[in-house]
Amino acid sequence: MSKSPIAYIEVSFFAHATEDPEKVVKAAQNVISTGLVEKIIFKKTSLKGDHGNLIMFFKARTEEESIAESVVNHISLRLSALDKEVLLRDLGLHLEKGSLYIRLDKQAAFKGNLRLSTGDPIHLRIRFKKRKKEDIAKICGELGLVP
């Protein structure tokens, strides 16, 4: 089997003072896939908002090829055809220096659904070993992230 085209994957998100951090972590775990939850550990950082409110920032990263590919596969299986079309159409807006940035709806993820979002999302960064847009578009197609 050939080596993975993915160098690493990062998942990050905020849990605001009005949110239950455990539920927000559960939403992110739904993005990752239940079989990999114990293999990806989120580091937690406490921040303060503009009005002194507590905000928790969570971030995890894995460079293990099999885990990174499994996460991407899980996402590609759960994204709707419409979201994949939107991602393909706007691919240039989601790429920077060999990384694909995807934002997923936190509320939907908590319910087990994955869909693109811009407001208070779960952030994904998929770093590819190749850097050219054309190469990444082809890889995304092979991985099922885009049609």
N, C-alpha and C. Protein backbone atom coordinates (compact mmCIF):
# COMPACT_ATOMS: atom_id res chain seq x y z
N MET A 1 0.83 -1.19 0.00
CA MET A 1 0.00 0.00 0.00
C MET A 1 0.87 1.24 0.00
N SER A 2 0.47 2.25 -0.76
CA SER A 2 1.27 3.47 -0.83
C SER A 2 1.10 4.31 0.43
N LYS A 3 2.04 5.19 0.62
CA LYS A 3 1.99 6.07 1.80
C LYS A 3 0.83 7.04 1.68
N SER A 4 0.38 7.48 2.82
CA SER A 4 -0.74 8.42 2.87
C SER A 4 -0.33 9.77 2.30
N PRO A 5 -1.25 10.44 1.59
CA PRO A 5 -0.96 11.79 1.09
C PRO A 5 -1.10 12.85 2.19
N ILE A 6 -1.55 12.44 3.38
CA ILE A 6 -1.80 13.36 4.48
C ILE A 6 -0.60 13.37 5.43
N ALA A 7 -0.08 14.56 5.71
CA ALA A 7 1.03 14.70 6.66
C ALA A 7 0.51 14.69 8.09
N TYR A 8 -0.57 15.44 8.35
CA TYR A 8 -1.19 15.45 9.67
C TYR A 8 -2.58 16.09 9.58
N ILE A 9 -3.31 15.94 10.67
CA ILE A 9 -4.63 16.57 10.76
C ILE A 9 -4.74 17.20 12.14
N GLU A 10 -5.33 18.40 12.16
CA GLU A 10 -5.58 19.11 13.42
C GLU A 10 -7.08 19.36 13.54
N VAL A 11 -7.57 19.24 14.76
CA VAL A 11 -8.96 19.56 15.06
C VAL A 11 -8.92 20.55 16.22
N SER A 12 -9.62 21.67 16.07
CA SER A 12 -9.66 22.65 17.16
C SER A 12 -11.04 23.30 17.23
N PHE A 13 -11.37 23.81 18.42
CA PHE A 13 -12.66 24.44 18.62
C PHE A 13 -12.66 25.19 19.95
N PHE A 14 -13.64 26.07 20.09
CA PHE A 14 -13.83 26.83 21.32
C PHE A 14 -15.08 26.33 22.03
N ALA A 15 -15.04 26.34 23.35
CA ALA A 15 -16.23 26.10 24.17
C ALA A 15 -16.43 27.39 24.96
N HIS A 16 -17.49 28.10 24.64
CA HIS A 16 -17.77 29.38 25.28
C HIS A 16 -18.42 29.15 26.65
N ALA A 17 -18.46 30.21 27.46
CA ALA A 17 -18.99 30.12 28.82
C ALA A 17 -20.43 29.63 28.83
N THR A 18 -21.17 29.90 27.78
CA THR A 18 -22.58 29.49 27.70
C THR A 18 -22.76 28.05 27.24
N GLU A 19 -21.66 27.37 26.91
CA GLU A 19 -21.73 26.00 26.41
C GLU A 19 -21.19 25.01 27.44
N ASP A 20 -21.67 23.81 27.39
CA ASP A 20 -21.16 22.73 28.22
C ASP A 20 -19.93 22.16 27.51
N PRO A 21 -18.74 22.33 28.09
CA PRO A 21 -17.51 21.86 27.42
C PRO A 21 -17.55 20.37 27.06
N GLU A 22 -18.18 19.55 27.90
CA GLU A 22 -18.26 18.12 27.61
C GLU A 22 -19.07 17.85 26.35
N LYS A 23 -20.13 18.62 26.14
CA LYS A 23 -20.95 18.45 24.93
C LYS A 23 -20.18 18.92 23.70
N VAL A 24 -19.40 19.97 23.85
CA VAL A 24 -18.63 20.47 22.70
C VAL A 24 -17.53 19.47 22.34
N VAL A 25 -16.89 18.88 23.34
CA VAL A 25 -15.90 17.83 23.08
C VAL A 25 -16.57 16.64 22.40
N LYS A 26 -17.77 16.28 22.85
CA LYS A 26 -18.52 15.18 22.23
C LYS A 26 -18.78 15.47 20.76
N ALA A 27 -19.13 16.73 20.44
CA ALA A 27 -19.36 17.12 19.05
C ALA A 27 -18.10 16.89 18.22
N ALA A 28 -16.95 17.29 18.76
CA ALA A 28 -15.68 17.11 18.05
C ALA A 28 -15.34 15.63 17.91
N GLN A 29 -15.65 14.85 18.93
CA GLN A 29 -15.39 13.41 18.85
C GLN A 29 -16.26 12.77 17.77
N ASN A 30 -17.46 13.30 17.56
CA ASN A 30 -18.32 12.79 16.48
C ASN A 30 -17.71 13.08 15.11
N VAL A 31 -16.95 14.15 15.00
CA VAL A 31 -16.25 14.47 13.75
C VAL A 31 -15.13 13.47 13.52
N ILE A 32 -14.46 13.10 14.59
CA ILE A 32 -13.30 12.20 14.50
C ILE A 32 -13.71 10.77 14.19
N SER A 33 -14.75 10.27 14.81
CA SER A 33 -15.23 8.89 14.69
C SER A 33 -15.04 8.20 16.04
N THR A 34 -16.04 7.48 16.45
CA THR A 34 -16.01 6.85 17.76
C THR A 34 -14.86 5.87 17.95
N GLY A 35 -14.44 5.21 16.90
CA GLY A 35 -13.35 4.25 17.02
C GLY A 35 -11.99 4.87 17.27
N LEU A 36 -11.88 6.18 17.08
CA LEU A 36 -10.58 6.84 17.23
C LEU A 36 -10.52 7.81 18.41
N VAL A 37 -11.62 7.93 19.14
CA VAL A 37 -11.72 8.93 20.20
C VAL A 37 -10.59 8.83 21.22
N GLU A 38 -10.25 7.61 21.64
CA GLU A 38 -9.21 7.46 22.66
C GLU A 38 -7.81 7.69 22.11
N LYS A 39 -7.66 7.73 20.79
CA LYS A 39 -6.34 7.93 20.18
C LYS A 39 -6.02 9.40 19.90
N ILE A 40 -7.02 10.25 19.96
CA ILE A 40 -6.81 11.67 19.72
C ILE A 40 -7.20 12.43 20.98
N ILE A 41 -6.20 13.00 21.63
CA ILE A 41 -6.40 13.68 22.90
C ILE A 41 -6.37 15.19 22.69
N PHE A 42 -7.40 15.86 23.18
CA PHE A 42 -7.48 17.31 23.05
C PHE A 42 -6.75 17.98 24.21
N LYS A 43 -5.92 18.97 23.87
CA LYS A 43 -5.28 19.80 24.88
C LYS A 43 -6.18 21.00 25.10
N LYS A 44 -6.36 21.37 26.35
CA LYS A 44 -7.30 22.43 26.72
C LYS A 44 -6.53 23.64 27.23
N THR A 45 -6.93 24.82 26.73
CA THR A 45 -6.34 26.08 27.17
C THR A 45 -7.47 27.00 27.61
N SER A 46 -7.32 27.64 28.76
CA SER A 46 -8.33 28.59 29.24
C SER A 46 -8.00 29.98 28.73
N LEU A 47 -9.02 30.65 28.20
CA LEU A 47 -8.90 32.01 27.68
C LEU A 47 -9.98 32.87 28.31
N LYS A 48 -9.83 34.19 28.16
CA LYS A 48 -10.86 35.10 28.63
C LYS A 48 -11.41 35.88 27.45
N GLY A 49 -12.73 36.00 27.40
CA GLY A 49 -13.38 36.76 26.35
C GLY A 49 -13.31 38.26 26.62
N ASP A 50 -13.88 39.05 25.72
CA ASP A 50 -13.86 40.51 25.84
C ASP A 50 -14.46 41.01 27.15
N HIS A 51 -15.44 40.30 27.66
CA HIS A 51 -16.12 40.74 28.88
C HIS A 51 -15.71 39.90 30.09
N GLY A 52 -14.55 39.27 30.00
CA GLY A 52 -14.03 38.48 31.11
C GLY A 52 -14.61 37.09 31.22
N ASN A 53 -15.45 36.71 30.26
CA ASN A 53 -16.05 35.39 30.30
C ASN A 53 -15.03 34.31 29.93
N LEU A 54 -15.19 33.14 30.54
CA LEU A 54 -14.28 32.03 30.32
C LEU A 54 -14.56 31.38 28.96
N ILE A 55 -13.49 31.17 28.20
CA ILE A 55 -13.57 30.46 26.93
C ILE A 55 -12.50 29.37 26.97
N MET A 56 -12.90 28.16 26.66
CA MET A 56 -11.94 27.05 26.61
C MET A 56 -11.60 26.79 25.15
N PHE A 57 -10.31 26.67 24.86
CA PHE A 57 -9.84 26.34 23.52
C PHE A 57 -9.28 24.92 23.54
N PHE A 58 -9.77 24.08 22.65
CA PHE A 58 -9.34 22.70 22.56
C PHE A 58 -8.64 22.48 21.22
N LYS A 59 -7.56 21.69 21.26
CA LYS A 59 -6.84 21.40 20.02
C LYS A 59 -6.19 20.03 20.12
N ALA A 60 -6.28 19.28 19.01
CA ALA A 60 -5.62 17.99 18.91
C ALA A 60 -4.97 17.88 17.55
N ARG A 61 -3.90 17.13 17.49
CA ARG A 61 -3.18 16.93 16.23
C ARG A 61 -2.66 15.50 16.20
N THR A 62 -2.76 14.89 15.03
CA THR A 62 -2.16 13.57 14.86
C THR A 62 -1.40 13.52 13.55
N GLU A 63 -0.23 12.93 13.61
CA GLU A 63 0.59 12.71 12.42
C GLU A 63 0.58 11.24 12.02
N GLU A 64 -0.15 10.43 12.80
CA GLU A 64 -0.24 9.01 12.49
C GLU A 64 -1.11 8.84 11.25
N GLU A 65 -0.50 8.33 10.18
CA GLU A 65 -1.16 8.28 8.87
C GLU A 65 -2.50 7.55 8.89
N SER A 66 -2.54 6.40 9.55
CA SER A 66 -3.79 5.62 9.55
C SER A 66 -4.91 6.36 10.26
N ILE A 67 -4.60 7.05 11.33
CA ILE A 67 -5.62 7.81 12.07
C ILE A 67 -6.08 9.00 11.24
N ALA A 68 -5.13 9.74 10.67
CA ALA A 68 -5.48 10.92 9.86
C ALA A 68 -6.36 10.50 8.69
N GLU A 69 -6.01 9.43 8.01
CA GLU A 69 -6.82 8.98 6.88
C GLU A 69 -8.19 8.50 7.34
N SER A 70 -8.27 7.84 8.49
CA SER A 70 -9.56 7.39 9.02
C SER A 70 -10.47 8.57 9.34
N VAL A 71 -9.90 9.63 9.91
CA VAL A 71 -10.69 10.83 10.22
C VAL A 71 -11.22 11.43 8.93
N VAL A 72 -10.35 11.60 7.93
CA VAL A 72 -10.78 12.17 6.65
C VAL A 72 -11.83 11.29 5.99
N ASN A 73 -11.66 9.97 6.05
CA ASN A 73 -12.63 9.05 5.48
C ASN A 73 -13.98 9.19 6.19
N HIS A 74 -13.95 9.28 7.50
CA HIS A 74 -15.18 9.44 8.29
C HIS A 74 -15.91 10.72 7.88
N ILE A 75 -15.17 11.80 7.72
CA ILE A 75 -15.76 13.08 7.32
C ILE A 75 -16.34 12.97 5.91
N SER A 76 -15.58 12.37 5.00
CA SER A 76 -16.06 12.28 3.62
C SER A 76 -17.32 11.43 3.50
N LEU A 77 -17.46 10.42 4.33
CA LEU A 77 -18.66 9.58 4.30
C LEU A 77 -19.88 10.30 4.86
N ARG A 78 -19.66 11.30 5.72
CA ARG A 78 -20.78 11.95 6.41
C ARG A 78 -21.15 13.32 5.84
N LEU A 79 -20.29 13.89 5.01
CA LEU A 79 -20.63 15.18 4.39
C LEU A 79 -21.64 14.95 3.27
N SER A 80 -22.58 15.84 3.14
CA SER A 80 -23.59 15.72 2.09
C SER A 80 -22.96 16.01 0.72
N ALA A 81 -23.64 15.54 -0.32
CA ALA A 81 -23.19 15.81 -1.69
C ALA A 81 -23.13 17.30 -1.95
N LEU A 82 -24.10 18.05 -1.41
CA LEU A 82 -24.12 19.50 -1.59
C LEU A 82 -22.91 20.15 -0.93
N ASP A 83 -22.58 19.74 0.29
CA ASP A 83 -21.40 20.31 0.97
C ASP A 83 -20.12 19.97 0.20
N LYS A 84 -20.05 18.78 -0.37
CA LYS A 84 -18.88 18.41 -1.16
C LYS A 84 -18.77 19.26 -2.42
N GLU A 85 -19.90 19.57 -3.03
CA GLU A 85 -19.92 20.45 -4.21
C GLU A 85 -19.45 21.85 -3.83
N VAL A 86 -19.93 22.35 -2.69
CA VAL A 86 -19.54 23.68 -2.22
C VAL A 86 -18.04 23.70 -1.93
N LEU A 87 -17.55 22.66 -1.29
CA LEU A 87 -16.11 22.58 -0.97
C LEU A 87 -15.28 22.56 -2.25
N LEU A 88 -15.72 21.80 -3.25
CA LEU A 88 -15.00 21.76 -4.52
C LEU A 88 -15.03 23.12 -5.21
N ARG A 89 -16.20 23.74 -5.25
CA ARG A 89 -16.35 25.04 -5.91
C ARG A 89 -15.46 26.10 -5.25
N ASP A 90 -15.38 26.06 -3.93
CA ASP A 90 -14.63 27.08 -3.18
C ASP A 90 -13.28 26.55 -2.69
N LEU A 91 -12.76 25.51 -3.32
CA LEU A 91 -11.54 24.87 -2.82
C LEU A 91 -10.39 25.86 -2.63
N GLY A 92 -10.23 26.78 -3.57
CA GLY A 92 -9.16 27.76 -3.46
C GLY A 92 -9.24 28.60 -2.20
N LEU A 93 -10.45 28.82 -1.69
CA LEU A 93 -10.63 29.60 -0.46
C LEU A 93 -10.28 28.79 0.78
N HIS A 94 -10.26 27.47 0.65
CA HIS A 94 -10.00 26.59 1.79
C HIS A 94 -8.56 26.09 1.83
N LEU A 95 -7.76 26.45 0.83
CA LEU A 95 -6.38 25.97 0.75
C LEU A 95 -5.38 27.08 1.05
N GLU A 96 -4.34 26.69 1.78
CA GLU A 96 -3.23 27.60 2.00
C GLU A 96 -1.98 26.79 2.31
N LYS A 97 -0.97 26.94 1.47
CA LYS A 97 0.33 26.31 1.65
C LYS A 97 0.24 24.82 1.98
N GLY A 98 -0.53 24.09 1.20
CA GLY A 98 -0.60 22.65 1.37
C GLY A 98 -1.58 22.17 2.43
N SER A 99 -2.34 23.07 3.03
CA SER A 99 -3.33 22.69 4.04
C SER A 99 -4.73 23.01 3.54
N LEU A 100 -5.64 22.09 3.83
CA LEU A 100 -7.06 22.28 3.55
C LEU A 100 -7.74 22.60 4.87
N TYR A 101 -8.45 23.72 4.90
CA TYR A 101 -9.16 24.15 6.10
C TYR A 101 -10.66 23.94 5.90
N ILE A 102 -11.26 23.22 6.83
CA ILE A 102 -12.69 22.95 6.78
C ILE A 102 -13.29 23.35 8.12
N ARG A 103 -14.45 23.99 8.06
CA ARG A 103 -15.20 24.36 9.27
C ARG A 103 -16.51 23.59 9.28
N LEU A 104 -16.75 22.90 10.39
CA LEU A 104 -17.95 22.09 10.52
C LEU A 104 -18.85 22.62 11.63
N ASP A 105 -20.13 22.52 11.41
CA ASP A 105 -21.15 22.99 12.34
C ASP A 105 -21.08 22.21 13.66
N LYS A 106 -20.83 22.92 14.75
CA LYS A 106 -20.67 22.31 16.06
C LYS A 106 -21.97 21.66 16.55
N GLN A 107 -23.09 22.36 16.39
CA GLN A 107 -24.38 21.84 16.84
C GLN A 107 -24.77 20.57 16.08
N ALA A 108 -24.59 20.60 14.77
CA ALA A 108 -24.92 19.43 13.94
C ALA A 108 -24.02 18.26 14.31
N ALA A 109 -22.73 18.53 14.54
CA ALA A 109 -21.78 17.47 14.89
C ALA A 109 -22.17 16.81 16.21
N PHE A 110 -22.68 17.60 17.14
CA PHE A 110 -23.12 17.02 18.42
C PHE A 110 -24.22 15.99 18.20
N LYS A 111 -25.07 16.24 17.20
CA LYS A 111 -26.17 15.33 16.88
C LYS A 111 -25.73 14.20 15.93
N GLY A 112 -24.44 14.20 15.57
CA GLY A 112 -23.92 13.14 14.71
C GLY A 112 -23.94 13.45 13.23
N ASN A 113 -24.29 14.68 12.88
CA ASN A 113 -24.33 15.09 11.47
C ASN A 113 -23.16 16.01 11.18
N LEU A 114 -22.57 15.87 10.01
CA LEU A 114 -21.47 16.75 9.63
C LEU A 114 -21.91 17.62 8.47
N ARG A 115 -21.73 18.93 8.65
CA ARG A 115 -22.03 19.87 7.56
C ARG A 115 -21.14 21.09 7.72
N LEU A 116 -20.86 21.71 6.57
CA LEU A 116 -20.00 22.89 6.56
C LEU A 116 -20.70 24.03 7.29
N SER A 117 -19.90 24.89 7.90
CA SER A 117 -20.42 26.03 8.65
C SER A 117 -19.36 27.10 8.74
N THR A 118 -19.78 28.32 9.04
CA THR A 118 -18.81 29.39 9.26
C THR A 118 -18.91 29.97 10.66
N GLY A 119 -20.06 29.84 11.31
CA GLY A 119 -20.25 30.43 12.63
C GLY A 119 -19.91 29.50 13.76
N ASP A 120 -18.95 29.86 14.60
CA ASP A 120 -18.52 29.11 15.77
C ASP A 120 -18.36 27.61 15.47
N PRO A 121 -17.50 27.28 14.51
CA PRO A 121 -17.39 25.89 14.05
C PRO A 121 -16.32 25.08 14.77
N ILE A 122 -16.27 23.81 14.39
CA ILE A 122 -15.14 22.94 14.69
C ILE A 122 -14.21 23.09 13.50
N HIS A 123 -12.97 23.47 13.78
CA HIS A 123 -11.99 23.72 12.71
C HIS A 123 -11.17 22.46 12.44
N LEU A 124 -11.02 22.16 11.16
CA LEU A 124 -10.16 21.06 10.75
C LEU A 124 -9.08 21.60 9.82
N ARG A 125 -7.88 21.14 10.05
CA ARG A 125 -6.78 21.46 9.15
C ARG A 125 -6.18 20.14 8.70
N ILE A 126 -6.28 19.89 7.41
CA ILE A 126 -5.70 18.68 6.85
C ILE A 126 -4.47 19.11 6.06
N ARG A 127 -3.31 18.72 6.55
CA ARG A 127 -2.05 19.09 5.91
C ARG A 127 -1.62 17.97 4.99
N PHE A 128 -1.48 18.31 3.73
CA PHE A 128 -1.09 17.32 2.72
C PHE A 128 0.42 17.38 2.50
N LYS A 129 0.95 16.30 1.98
CA LYS A 129 2.37 16.25 1.67
C LYS A 129 2.68 17.01 0.39
N LYS A 130 1.68 17.18 -0.46
CA LYS A 130 1.83 17.98 -1.69
C LYS A 130 1.26 19.36 -1.43
N ARG A 131 1.72 20.35 -2.22
CA ARG A 131 1.31 21.72 -1.96
C ARG A 131 0.49 22.36 -3.08
N LYS A 132 0.56 21.81 -4.28
CA LYS A 132 -0.15 22.42 -5.41
C LYS A 132 -1.65 22.17 -5.31
N LYS A 133 -2.41 23.20 -5.66
CA LYS A 133 -3.88 23.12 -5.60
C LYS A 133 -4.40 21.95 -6.43
N GLU A 134 -3.85 21.76 -7.62
CA GLU A 134 -4.30 20.69 -8.50
C GLU A 134 -4.08 19.32 -7.87
N ASP A 135 -2.92 19.14 -7.24
CA ASP A 135 -2.61 17.87 -6.58
C ASP A 135 -3.56 17.62 -5.41
N ILE A 136 -3.80 18.66 -4.62
CA ILE A 136 -4.68 18.52 -3.46
C ILE A 136 -6.12 18.27 -3.90
N ALA A 137 -6.56 18.93 -4.96
CA ALA A 137 -7.91 18.71 -5.48
C ALA A 137 -8.07 17.25 -5.90
N LYS A 138 -7.06 16.71 -6.56
CA LYS A 138 -7.09 15.30 -6.99
C LYS A 138 -7.14 14.37 -5.78
N ILE A 139 -6.32 14.65 -4.78
CA ILE A 139 -6.28 13.83 -3.57
C ILE A 139 -7.64 13.91 -2.85
N CYS A 140 -8.21 15.09 -2.75
CA CYS A 140 -9.51 15.26 -2.10
C CYS A 140 -10.58 14.46 -2.82
N GLY A 141 -10.50 14.41 -4.13
CA GLY A 141 -11.43 13.60 -4.91
C GLY A 141 -11.25 12.11 -4.62
N GLU A 142 -10.00 11.67 -4.54
CA GLU A 142 -9.70 10.26 -4.25
C GLU A 142 -10.16 9.89 -2.84
N LEU A 143 -10.07 10.84 -1.90
CA LEU A 143 -10.48 10.58 -0.53
C LEU A 143 -11.98 10.74 -0.33
N GLY A 144 -12.67 11.26 -1.34
CA GLY A 144 -14.12 11.41 -1.25
C GLY A 144 -14.59 12.71 -0.61
N LEU A 145 -13.66 13.64 -0.36
CA LEU A 145 -14.05 14.93 0.24
C LEU A 145 -14.76 15.83 -0.76
N VAL A 146 -14.44 15.66 -2.03
CA VAL A 146 -15.08 16.44 -3.10
C VAL A 146 -15.51 15.45 -4.19
N PRO A 147 -16.54 15.83 -4.97
CA PRO A 147 -17.01 14.92 -6.03
C PRO A 147 -16.01 14.80 -7.18
